[in-house]
Protein backbone atom coordinates (compact mmCIF):
# COMPACT_ATOMS: atom_id res chain seq x y z
CA MET A 1 37.28 43.11 82.16
CA LYS A 2 39.92 41.97 84.62
CA SER A 3 42.09 44.97 83.76
CA SER A 4 39.17 47.38 84.42
CA LEU A 5 38.51 45.72 87.77
CA ALA A 6 42.17 45.92 88.68
CA LEU A 7 42.27 49.60 87.71
CA SER A 8 39.17 50.33 89.79
CA THR A 9 40.65 48.49 92.78
CA ALA A 10 43.91 50.41 92.44
CA VAL A 11 42.09 53.76 92.34
CA SER A 12 40.01 52.82 95.39
CA GLU A 13 43.13 51.79 97.30
CA HIS A 14 44.84 55.04 96.31
CA TRP A 15 42.03 57.25 97.70
CA ARG A 16 41.60 55.04 100.78
CA SER A 17 45.27 55.53 101.46
CA LYS A 18 44.89 59.30 101.04
CA LEU A 19 41.92 59.39 103.42
CA ASN A 20 43.78 57.35 106.01
CA GLN A 21 46.62 59.84 105.83
CA TYR A 22 44.18 62.69 106.42
CA ASP A 23 43.79 63.13 110.15
CA MET A 24 41.26 65.82 111.06
CA ILE A 25 42.77 66.40 114.49
CA THR A 26 46.23 66.74 112.99
CA ALA A 27 44.90 69.18 110.40
CA ILE A 28 43.33 71.30 113.11
CA ARG A 29 46.52 71.27 115.15
CA GLN A 30 48.50 72.41 112.12
CA MET A 31 46.28 75.43 111.56
CA THR A 32 47.81 78.85 112.00
CA PRO A 33 45.96 81.40 114.19
CA VAL A 34 44.81 83.22 111.05
CA GLN A 35 43.41 80.04 109.48
CA ALA A 36 41.66 79.02 112.70
CA THR A 37 40.12 82.47 113.02
CA LEU A 38 38.84 82.47 109.45
CA TRP A 39 37.25 79.04 109.92
CA LEU A 40 35.63 80.12 113.18
CA VAL A 41 34.22 83.32 111.67
CA ALA A 42 32.95 81.46 108.60
CA LEU A 43 31.23 78.75 110.67
CA SER A 44 29.66 81.25 113.05
CA SER A 45 28.43 83.37 110.13
CA LEU A 46 26.92 80.31 108.46
CA ILE A 47 24.97 79.40 111.60
CA ARG A 48 23.57 82.93 111.85
CA MET A 49 22.63 82.83 108.15
CA PHE A 50 20.44 79.80 108.83
CA ALA A 51 18.98 81.45 111.94
CA ALA A 52 18.25 84.63 109.98
CA SER A 53 15.48 82.91 108.05
CA ALA A 54 13.95 81.10 111.03
CA ILE A 55 12.37 84.06 112.84
CA GLY A 56 10.69 87.37 112.02
CA LEU A 57 12.17 90.80 112.54
CA SER A 58 12.55 92.20 116.03
CA VAL A 59 11.28 95.62 117.11
CA ASP A 60 14.55 97.36 116.35
CA GLU A 61 15.24 95.49 113.12
CA ALA A 62 11.89 96.49 111.64
CA HIS A 63 12.41 100.06 112.84
CA TYR A 64 15.77 100.32 111.08
CA ALA A 65 14.40 98.63 107.97
CA LEU A 66 11.90 101.51 107.88
CA TYR A 67 14.88 103.86 108.17
CA GLY A 68 16.12 102.39 104.90
CA LEU A 69 12.68 102.65 103.35
CA HIS A 70 12.37 106.32 104.40
CA LEU A 71 15.94 107.31 103.56
CA ASP A 72 17.03 110.51 105.29
CA TRP A 73 20.10 112.40 106.53
CA SER A 74 19.46 111.14 110.06
CA TYR A 75 16.64 110.01 112.32
CA PHE A 76 14.92 110.91 115.56
CA ASP A 77 16.51 108.41 117.91
CA HIS A 78 19.72 107.33 116.12
CA PRO A 79 22.26 108.48 113.55
CA PRO A 80 21.71 107.24 109.99
CA MET A 81 24.25 104.43 109.49
CA VAL A 82 21.82 101.54 110.08
CA GLY A 83 19.28 103.19 107.79
CA TRP A 84 21.81 103.77 105.04
CA LEU A 85 22.99 100.16 105.22
CA GLN A 86 19.42 98.90 104.98
CA ALA A 87 18.70 101.28 102.10
CA VAL A 88 21.55 99.63 100.19
CA MET A 89 20.31 96.15 101.12
CA LEU A 90 16.78 96.97 99.99
CA GLN A 91 18.11 97.39 96.46
CA PHE A 92 18.74 93.63 96.45
CA GLY A 93 15.91 92.25 98.56
CA ASP A 94 13.54 92.86 101.44
CA SER A 95 13.28 89.42 103.04
CA ASP A 96 14.12 88.91 106.70
CA LEU A 97 17.31 87.14 105.63
CA ALA A 98 18.35 89.96 103.29
CA LEU A 99 17.88 92.58 106.00
CA ARG A 100 20.17 90.61 108.32
CA ILE A 101 23.04 90.16 105.89
CA PRO A 102 24.63 93.56 106.77
CA ALA A 103 24.79 92.58 110.45
CA ILE A 104 26.30 89.19 109.64
CA LEU A 105 28.95 90.75 107.41
CA LEU A 106 29.72 93.51 109.90
CA PHE A 107 30.20 91.03 112.73
CA ALA A 108 32.55 88.96 110.58
CA ALA A 109 34.52 92.13 109.77
CA THR A 110 34.54 93.13 113.45
CA SER A 111 35.98 89.73 114.33
CA LEU A 112 38.84 90.21 111.87
CA VAL A 113 39.53 93.72 113.16
CA LEU A 114 39.64 92.35 116.73
CA PHE A 115 42.15 89.73 115.60
CA ARG A 116 44.30 92.43 114.01
CA LEU A 117 43.95 94.61 117.11
CA CYS A 118 45.42 91.83 119.25
CA GLN A 119 48.39 91.53 116.90
CA VAL A 120 49.03 95.29 116.92
CA LEU A 121 48.44 96.03 120.62
CA PHE A 122 50.10 92.93 122.07
CA PRO A 123 52.79 91.82 119.57
CA GLN A 124 54.89 90.15 122.29
CA ASP A 125 52.09 87.89 123.52
CA SER A 126 50.98 84.50 122.22
CA PRO A 127 50.14 84.44 118.50
CA TRP A 128 46.92 82.68 119.56
CA LEU A 129 45.73 85.70 121.53
CA GLY A 130 43.84 86.96 118.48
CA PHE A 131 42.06 83.67 117.81
CA SER A 132 41.16 83.24 121.48
CA SER A 133 39.78 86.79 121.59
CA VAL A 134 37.63 86.18 118.52
CA ALA A 135 36.41 82.89 120.01
CA LEU A 136 35.44 84.73 123.21
CA LEU A 137 33.69 87.40 121.13
CA HIS A 138 31.58 84.70 119.48
CA SER A 139 30.82 82.99 122.80
CA ALA A 140 28.54 85.76 124.09
CA VAL A 141 24.83 85.43 123.35
CA ILE A 142 24.30 89.18 123.14
CA LEU A 143 27.16 89.60 120.67
CA GLN A 144 25.84 86.77 118.50
CA LEU A 145 22.55 88.68 118.40
CA VAL A 146 24.39 91.87 117.42
CA GLY A 147 25.91 89.80 114.63
CA LEU A 148 22.46 88.65 113.53
CA ALA A 149 20.20 91.68 113.85
CA LEU A 150 21.32 95.01 112.40
CA ILE A 151 21.24 97.53 115.24
CA PRO A 152 23.46 100.59 115.81
CA GLU A 153 25.92 98.47 117.83
CA SER A 154 26.64 96.39 114.71
CA PRO A 155 28.51 99.17 112.85
CA LEU A 156 29.62 100.82 116.13
CA LEU A 157 31.67 97.75 117.13
CA PHE A 158 33.36 97.71 113.73
CA PHE A 159 34.17 101.41 113.52
CA GLY A 160 34.92 101.62 117.25
CA LEU A 161 37.66 98.98 117.02
CA LEU A 162 38.98 100.64 113.85
CA THR A 163 39.19 103.87 115.86
CA VAL A 164 41.38 102.12 118.44
CA LEU A 165 43.65 100.87 115.66
CA ALA A 166 43.80 104.37 114.19
CA LEU A 167 44.62 105.89 117.58
CA HIS A 168 47.46 103.40 117.96
CA GLY A 169 48.76 104.59 114.60
CA VAL A 170 48.62 108.23 115.76
CA LEU A 171 50.74 107.32 118.80
CA THR A 172 53.32 105.21 116.96
CA GLN A 173 53.61 106.76 113.50
CA GLU A 174 54.57 110.13 112.10
CA GLY A 175 52.75 112.30 109.56
CA LEU A 176 49.15 113.34 108.96
CA LYS A 177 47.84 110.06 107.54
CA PRO A 178 47.18 108.46 110.97
CA TRP A 179 45.29 111.57 112.06
CA LEU A 180 43.22 111.51 108.88
CA TRP A 181 42.39 107.85 109.50
CA LEU A 182 41.47 108.63 113.13
CA GLY A 183 39.11 111.42 112.12
CA LEU A 184 37.42 109.23 109.52
CA CYS A 185 36.89 106.35 111.96
CA LEU A 186 35.57 108.69 114.66
CA GLY A 187 33.14 110.21 112.17
CA LEU A 188 31.89 106.83 110.94
CA ALA A 189 31.43 105.66 114.52
CA GLY A 190 29.49 108.87 115.15
CA LEU A 191 27.22 108.05 112.21
CA SER A 192 26.56 104.66 113.83
CA LYS A 193 25.46 105.61 117.35
CA TYR A 194 25.61 108.59 119.69
CA THR A 195 27.54 106.45 122.20
CA ALA A 196 30.52 107.06 119.92
CA ILE A 197 30.99 110.37 121.76
CA THR A 198 32.81 108.28 124.38
CA LEU A 199 35.55 107.65 121.82
CA VAL A 200 36.46 111.33 122.00
CA PHE A 201 37.08 110.81 125.72
CA THR A 202 39.06 107.69 124.78
CA VAL A 203 41.40 109.85 122.71
CA ILE A 204 41.77 112.42 125.51
CA LEU A 205 42.29 109.77 128.19
CA THR A 206 44.88 107.99 126.05
CA PHE A 207 46.97 111.13 125.70
CA VAL A 208 46.65 111.83 129.43
CA LEU A 209 47.85 108.33 130.32
CA THR A 210 50.64 108.14 127.72
CA LYS A 211 51.71 111.79 128.14
CA GLN A 212 52.58 112.08 124.46
CA TRP A 213 51.68 115.75 124.40
CA SER A 214 54.17 116.54 121.64
CA ARG A 215 51.97 114.69 119.12
CA LEU A 216 49.19 117.20 119.73
CA LYS A 217 51.30 119.95 118.19
CA GLY A 218 50.83 120.72 114.54
CA ALA A 219 47.98 120.21 112.12
CA GLY A 220 47.20 116.55 112.95
CA PRO A 221 44.57 117.00 115.69
CA TRP A 222 42.86 119.78 113.74
CA LEU A 223 42.75 117.59 110.63
CA ALA A 224 41.19 114.73 112.61
CA ALA A 225 38.59 117.04 114.15
CA LEU A 226 37.75 118.56 110.77
CA VAL A 227 37.33 115.17 109.06
CA ALA A 228 35.21 113.80 111.91
CA THR A 229 32.99 116.88 111.81
CA LEU A 230 32.55 116.68 108.05
CA VAL A 231 31.60 113.01 108.26
CA ILE A 232 28.89 113.63 110.89
CA MET A 233 27.47 116.65 109.07
CA PRO A 234 24.35 114.68 107.98
CA VAL A 235 23.43 114.27 111.66
CA LEU A 236 24.00 117.96 112.38
CA TYR A 237 22.06 119.02 109.27
CA TRP A 238 19.06 116.83 110.12
CA ASN A 239 18.97 118.08 113.69
CA MET A 240 19.17 121.69 112.57
CA GLN A 241 16.03 121.05 110.52
CA HIS A 242 14.22 119.33 113.42
CA ASP A 243 14.98 121.61 116.39
CA TRP A 244 17.83 119.37 117.58
CA ALA A 245 15.31 116.64 118.38
CA SER A 246 17.83 113.78 118.52
CA PHE A 247 20.13 115.56 120.95
CA ALA A 248 17.25 116.57 123.20
CA TYR A 249 15.94 113.00 123.16
CA GLN A 250 19.32 111.49 124.03
CA LEU A 251 20.04 114.02 126.78
CA ASN A 252 16.68 113.32 128.40
CA HIS A 253 16.85 109.58 127.76
CA GLY A 254 18.89 108.71 130.83
CA ALA A 255 17.79 111.59 133.04
CA ARG A 256 14.01 111.46 132.71
CA ASN A 257 13.65 109.58 136.02
CA PRO A 258 14.78 111.75 138.95
CA ASP A 259 14.64 108.76 141.30
CA TRP A 260 18.18 107.32 141.31
CA GLN A 261 18.30 103.76 142.67
CA ALA A 262 21.30 101.54 143.36
CA ARG A 263 19.03 98.56 142.69
CA ARG A 264 18.83 99.51 139.02
CA VAL A 265 22.62 99.70 138.83
CA VAL A 266 23.00 96.22 140.31
CA LEU A 267 20.35 94.70 138.06
CA SER A 268 21.94 96.32 135.00
CA GLN A 269 25.31 94.76 135.86
CA LEU A 270 23.74 91.35 136.49
CA ALA A 271 21.99 91.52 133.11
CA GLN A 272 25.33 92.17 131.42
CA LEU A 273 26.91 89.26 133.30
CA LEU A 274 24.11 87.00 132.10
CA VAL A 275 24.35 87.81 128.37
CA PHE A 276 28.08 88.50 128.00
CA GLY A 277 29.09 85.59 130.21
CA PRO A 278 31.37 85.31 133.24
CA LEU A 279 34.51 84.83 131.17
CA ILE A 280 34.17 88.22 129.49
CA ILE A 281 32.81 90.23 132.43
CA GLY A 282 34.69 88.51 135.25
CA PHE A 283 38.16 88.32 133.75
CA ALA A 284 37.81 91.69 132.01
CA VAL A 285 37.15 93.37 135.37
CA ILE A 286 40.09 91.51 136.93
CA ALA A 287 42.31 92.50 134.02
CA MET A 288 41.29 96.15 134.38
CA PHE A 289 42.35 96.20 138.03
CA ALA A 290 45.57 94.38 137.17
CA ALA A 291 46.26 96.89 134.39
CA TRP A 292 47.72 99.39 136.88
CA ARG A 293 50.92 97.34 136.94
CA GLU A 294 51.16 97.72 133.15
CA ARG A 295 49.96 101.29 132.93
CA ARG A 296 52.82 102.13 130.56
CA HIS A 297 51.87 99.36 128.12
CA LEU A 298 50.25 101.11 125.14
CA GLY A 299 47.96 98.18 124.33
CA VAL A 300 46.66 98.07 127.89
CA VAL A 301 46.13 101.83 127.92
CA LEU A 302 44.12 101.77 124.68
CA CYS A 303 41.86 98.93 125.83
CA VAL A 304 41.15 100.56 129.21
CA ALA A 305 40.72 104.02 127.71
CA THR A 306 38.14 102.63 125.25
CA ALA A 307 36.12 100.74 127.85
CA LEU A 308 36.23 103.04 130.86
CA PRO A 309 34.22 106.02 129.49
CA ILE A 310 31.43 103.71 128.29
CA LEU A 311 31.25 101.72 131.52
CA LEU A 312 31.21 104.86 133.66
CA LEU A 313 28.56 106.50 131.47
CA PHE A 314 26.12 103.62 131.70
CA ALA A 315 26.95 102.58 135.26
CA THR A 316 25.99 106.03 136.54
CA GLY A 317 23.06 106.40 134.16
CA SER A 318 21.62 102.99 135.03
CA GLY A 319 20.63 104.34 138.44
CA ARG A 320 17.91 106.35 136.69
CA GLU A 321 17.13 104.00 133.83
CA MET A 322 18.06 100.34 133.42
CA THR A 323 20.96 99.90 130.99
CA LEU A 324 20.20 97.52 128.15
CA PRO A 325 23.08 95.02 127.94
CA HIS A 326 24.03 95.75 124.33
CA TRP A 327 24.63 99.42 125.10
CA THR A 328 27.98 98.53 126.72
CA ALA A 329 29.04 96.08 123.98
CA LEU A 330 31.96 98.18 122.69
CA ALA A 331 33.45 98.43 126.18
CA TRP A 332 33.46 94.69 126.83
CA VAL A 333 34.68 93.86 123.33
CA ALA A 334 37.60 96.28 123.80
CA LEU A 335 38.48 94.45 127.03
CA ILE A 336 38.33 90.95 125.54
CA PRO A 337 42.05 90.88 124.57
CA MET A 338 43.00 91.90 128.11
CA ALA A 339 40.72 89.25 129.62
CA ILE A 340 42.19 86.49 127.43
CA ARG A 341 45.70 87.76 128.03
CA TRP A 342 45.23 87.67 131.80
CA VAL A 343 43.86 84.12 131.64
CA MET A 344 46.85 82.99 129.57
CA GLN A 345 49.28 84.60 132.01
CA HIS A 346 47.66 82.91 135.02
CA TRP A 347 46.65 79.59 133.48
CA GLU A 348 48.71 77.63 136.02
CA ARG A 349 46.27 78.62 138.77
CA THR A 350 43.67 75.96 139.39
CA TRP A 351 40.81 78.38 140.03
CA VAL A 352 41.47 80.14 136.72
CA ARG A 353 41.16 76.86 134.82
CA VAL A 354 38.03 75.90 136.76
CA VAL A 355 36.31 79.25 136.18
CA THR A 356 37.32 79.19 132.52
CA GLY A 357 35.90 75.68 132.10
CA PHE A 358 32.65 76.71 133.79
CA SER A 359 32.45 79.84 131.64
CA VAL A 360 32.99 77.89 128.42
CA ALA A 361 30.27 75.40 129.43
CA TYR A 362 27.93 78.28 130.33
CA ALA A 363 28.53 80.01 126.99
CA GLY A 364 27.98 76.77 125.09
CA LEU A 365 24.68 76.06 126.86
CA MET A 366 23.47 79.62 126.32
CA LEU A 367 24.26 79.50 122.60
CA ILE A 368 22.60 76.11 122.21
CA ALA A 369 19.52 77.41 124.04
CA MET A 370 19.36 80.55 121.90
CA PHE A 371 19.78 78.92 118.50
CA GLY A 372 17.67 75.96 119.60
CA ALA A 373 14.84 78.36 120.44
CA PHE A 374 15.15 79.91 116.96
CA PHE A 375 14.82 76.57 115.19
CA GLN A 376 12.53 74.73 117.65
CA PRO A 377 10.45 77.31 119.59
CA ASN A 378 8.11 74.58 120.87
CA LEU A 379 10.86 73.48 123.27
CA LEU A 380 10.06 76.57 125.37
CA PRO A 381 6.80 77.65 127.14
CA ASN A 382 3.81 78.23 124.88
CA GLY A 383 1.78 81.37 124.24
CA SER A 384 2.56 84.99 124.99
CA GLY A 385 4.95 83.88 127.73
CA HIS A 386 7.29 82.44 125.11
CA PRO A 387 10.52 84.50 125.08
CA LEU A 388 10.40 84.70 121.27
CA ALA A 389 6.66 85.38 120.95
CA ASP A 390 7.42 88.96 119.96
CA LEU A 391 9.17 87.74 116.79
CA TYR A 392 6.27 85.79 115.35
CA GLY A 393 3.10 86.66 113.50
CA TRP A 394 3.62 90.30 112.61
CA GLN A 395 3.63 89.75 108.87
CA GLN A 396 0.37 87.80 109.02
CA GLY A 397 -1.07 90.25 111.54
CA ALA A 398 -0.19 93.20 109.31
CA GLN A 399 -1.75 91.53 106.27
CA GLN A 400 -4.99 90.93 108.17
CA ALA A 401 -5.01 94.52 109.44
CA GLU A 402 -4.51 95.80 105.89
CA ARG A 403 -7.42 93.67 104.61
CA LEU A 404 -9.66 95.15 107.29
CA ARG A 405 -8.44 98.65 106.43
CA GLN A 406 -9.29 98.09 102.76
CA GLU A 407 -12.79 96.95 103.73
CA MET A 408 -13.19 100.09 105.85
CA LYS A 409 -11.93 102.20 102.96
CA ALA A 410 -14.96 101.16 100.92
CA ILE A 411 -17.20 102.93 103.45
CA PRO A 412 -17.47 106.72 102.87
CA GLY A 413 -15.40 108.81 105.26
CA PRO A 414 -11.80 109.91 105.94
CA GLU A 415 -9.00 107.71 104.61
CA PRO A 416 -8.63 104.91 107.19
CA VAL A 417 -5.21 104.26 108.71
CA LEU A 418 -3.71 101.69 111.06
CA PHE A 419 -3.44 102.55 114.76
CA VAL A 420 -1.19 100.98 117.40
CA ARG A 421 -0.37 101.56 121.05
CA ASN A 422 3.29 102.51 120.78
CA TRP A 423 6.29 102.65 118.49
CA THR A 424 7.37 99.05 119.26
CA HIS A 425 4.15 97.77 117.70
CA ALA A 426 4.32 100.37 114.94
CA SER A 427 7.73 99.23 113.74
CA ARG A 428 6.65 95.71 112.77
CA LEU A 429 3.18 96.72 111.59
CA ALA A 430 4.49 99.57 109.43
CA TRP A 431 7.18 97.38 107.88
CA TYR A 432 4.97 94.42 107.00
CA ALA A 433 1.98 96.60 106.00
CA ARG A 434 4.05 99.08 104.01
CA PRO A 435 3.26 101.56 102.53
CA SER A 436 0.16 101.98 104.70
CA THR A 437 0.09 104.81 107.24
CA VAL A 438 0.59 103.60 110.83
CA GLN A 439 -0.08 106.13 113.59
CA VAL A 440 0.95 105.77 117.24
CA LEU A 441 -1.61 106.68 119.89
CA ASP A 442 0.65 107.31 122.89
CA ASP A 443 1.92 110.77 123.88
CA ARG A 444 5.60 110.00 123.33
CA GLN A 445 7.27 111.78 120.42
CA ASP A 446 9.08 109.40 118.09
CA GLN A 447 10.12 108.82 114.49
CA PHE A 448 6.61 107.69 113.50
CA ASP A 449 5.28 111.17 114.25
CA LEU A 450 7.69 112.46 111.60
CA TRP A 451 6.83 109.78 109.06
CA PHE A 452 3.07 109.46 109.49
CA GLY A 453 2.00 112.35 111.72
CA ARG A 454 -0.37 112.35 114.69
CA PRO A 455 -4.06 111.33 114.36
CA GLU A 456 -6.22 114.25 113.28
CA THR A 457 -9.65 115.00 114.70
CA GLY A 458 -12.19 112.66 113.12
CA ALA A 459 -9.56 110.12 112.03
CA ARG A 460 -10.64 106.52 111.66
CA GLY A 461 -8.99 103.18 111.03
CA ILE A 462 -8.05 99.77 112.36
CA LEU A 463 -6.59 99.59 115.86
CA VAL A 464 -4.24 96.61 116.21
CA THR A 465 -3.44 95.33 119.70
CA TRP A 466 -0.83 92.74 120.68
CA PRO A 467 -0.92 90.62 122.69
CA ASP A 468 -4.68 90.14 123.07
CA THR A 469 -5.60 92.07 126.23
CA GLY A 470 -9.37 91.84 125.90
CA SER A 471 -9.96 95.55 125.31
CA PRO A 472 -8.27 98.30 123.28
CA ILE A 473 -6.41 101.19 124.83
CA SER A 474 -7.22 104.81 124.05
CA VAL A 475 -10.82 103.85 123.36
CA GLU A 476 -11.87 107.05 125.12
CA HIS A 477 -10.25 109.00 122.27
CA PHE A 478 -12.60 107.46 119.70
CA GLU A 479 -16.33 107.97 119.31
CA SER A 480 -16.63 104.21 118.75
CA CYS A 481 -14.42 101.11 118.62
CA VAL A 482 -15.91 97.77 117.59
CA LYS A 483 -13.99 94.50 117.66
CA ALA A 484 -13.34 93.33 114.10
CA GLY A 485 -11.77 89.97 114.85
CA SER A 486 -8.50 88.40 115.93
CA SER A 487 -5.78 86.17 114.51
CA SER A 488 -3.13 83.88 115.95
CA GLU A 489 0.26 82.78 114.69
CA ILE A 490 1.17 79.14 115.22
CA ALA A 491 4.77 77.99 114.79
CA HIS A 492 5.93 74.39 115.28
CA GLY A 493 2.63 73.60 116.96
CA THR A 494 2.98 76.48 119.41
CA VAL A 495 0.64 79.49 119.57
CA MET A 496 3.14 82.35 119.53
CA SER A 497 1.14 85.55 118.99
CA THR A 498 -2.47 86.70 119.05
CA PHE A 499 -3.61 89.96 117.44
CA THR A 500 -6.95 91.68 118.00
CA TYR A 501 -8.42 94.24 115.60
CA TYR A 502 -10.91 97.06 116.23
CA ARG A 503 -12.72 99.32 113.78
CA CYS A 504 -12.43 102.76 115.34
CA GLU A 505 -14.18 105.97 114.28
CA GLY A 506 -13.96 109.63 115.26
CA TRP A 507 -10.61 110.27 116.91
CA HIS A 508 -10.46 113.25 119.29
CA GLU A 509 -7.96 114.43 121.91
């Protein structure tokens, strides 16, 4: 008995000694930049995995989930990459969490590509430049959202940064392989979002600034162009079948308002400052102006040449239509290494340390507020004014609408469908009520017209309105619309969404 107790005591002392030797702070300090980056990416991904199950799908997420459900060569408003990724994911599951896994994985991969980009473009700088750049990437609220919700920017960031790496290879290596890689990356970026067209200007601008004209001789550029064209053939094929609808939509998207206003430009820039944070926007802009002194540095040239076409495109276009902050994501991400590099080079300046400290605190508070709102929405204002109200209740609302539609179906007449005001309502309703037909009543052409068609004369169904406005729109287009009830979604004791349903008969233009 005494020997067993002695053995137990010895074992306890052994492990206590081991634990005392293990100093967490020392372990962290001994991490290499690669190890620190992997831990950061893993922790950030884990947090988003938990958040992925806490809230319903957003407008865009549901829309792209429907892309995957209605698999096609391309789609009305975007190239097919997000739809193809969701089509693959749907083979394994259709929960909100499952549909967000591609975005989480893509953002993790983008982080690692950014780390590698820092190593390749700035090999003479601090080995911690890559880790610091990835940390700054993860500090922005809007980029965390891109890493949570699968939208076209999710694959665009990944393939866009790979394009920069490939372009660096073209400028520093011999042979056709770098050109082949460049064409493939350009094509995959083109399958992600039409904004990828700016990467073509990135290639042109890079050659103008580096003056490496000799590399344009031979078969390399033609090979890259051929590969890129072959990769984006699904987009071209789909548009040929649909009267070039996507291109017409995108060309008119930013020019539909003839009234150009500087106010819109300013507000668009302020919105980007808010969601990207002052450390990214502020120091990236400073670094761009300072880049003139290093205009022969290939890494600097590639970062500026990637960002400048995007920033100019949306800065000028925002005068006619407000630029959504995530549209410029690739530009700011490409400038992150330059921003961090500039801060490191000027760290001895007091104002740089002060602004950096403020920016870190700002980013931390914004991230806490965002994820806190996901897990505890009752901490924010109640009702339809809640900033996350749009993410709640659609599954329950769609189920109630479908029950009402089934009841209406029992009454003789045309097959009843579900009606909504616009495509933003249609995306969630069509996803959660699938495979029911959901028709949009506005005059705007969109993807739902291709999937479900326009209402025909005499059509009937359930009109779903959100939030509850007291009366349905487009009632003049129906012979009759009678209120069929309403439903509310309550989360954490907070009323988040209210849906109202109308039985409508006799549609006419």
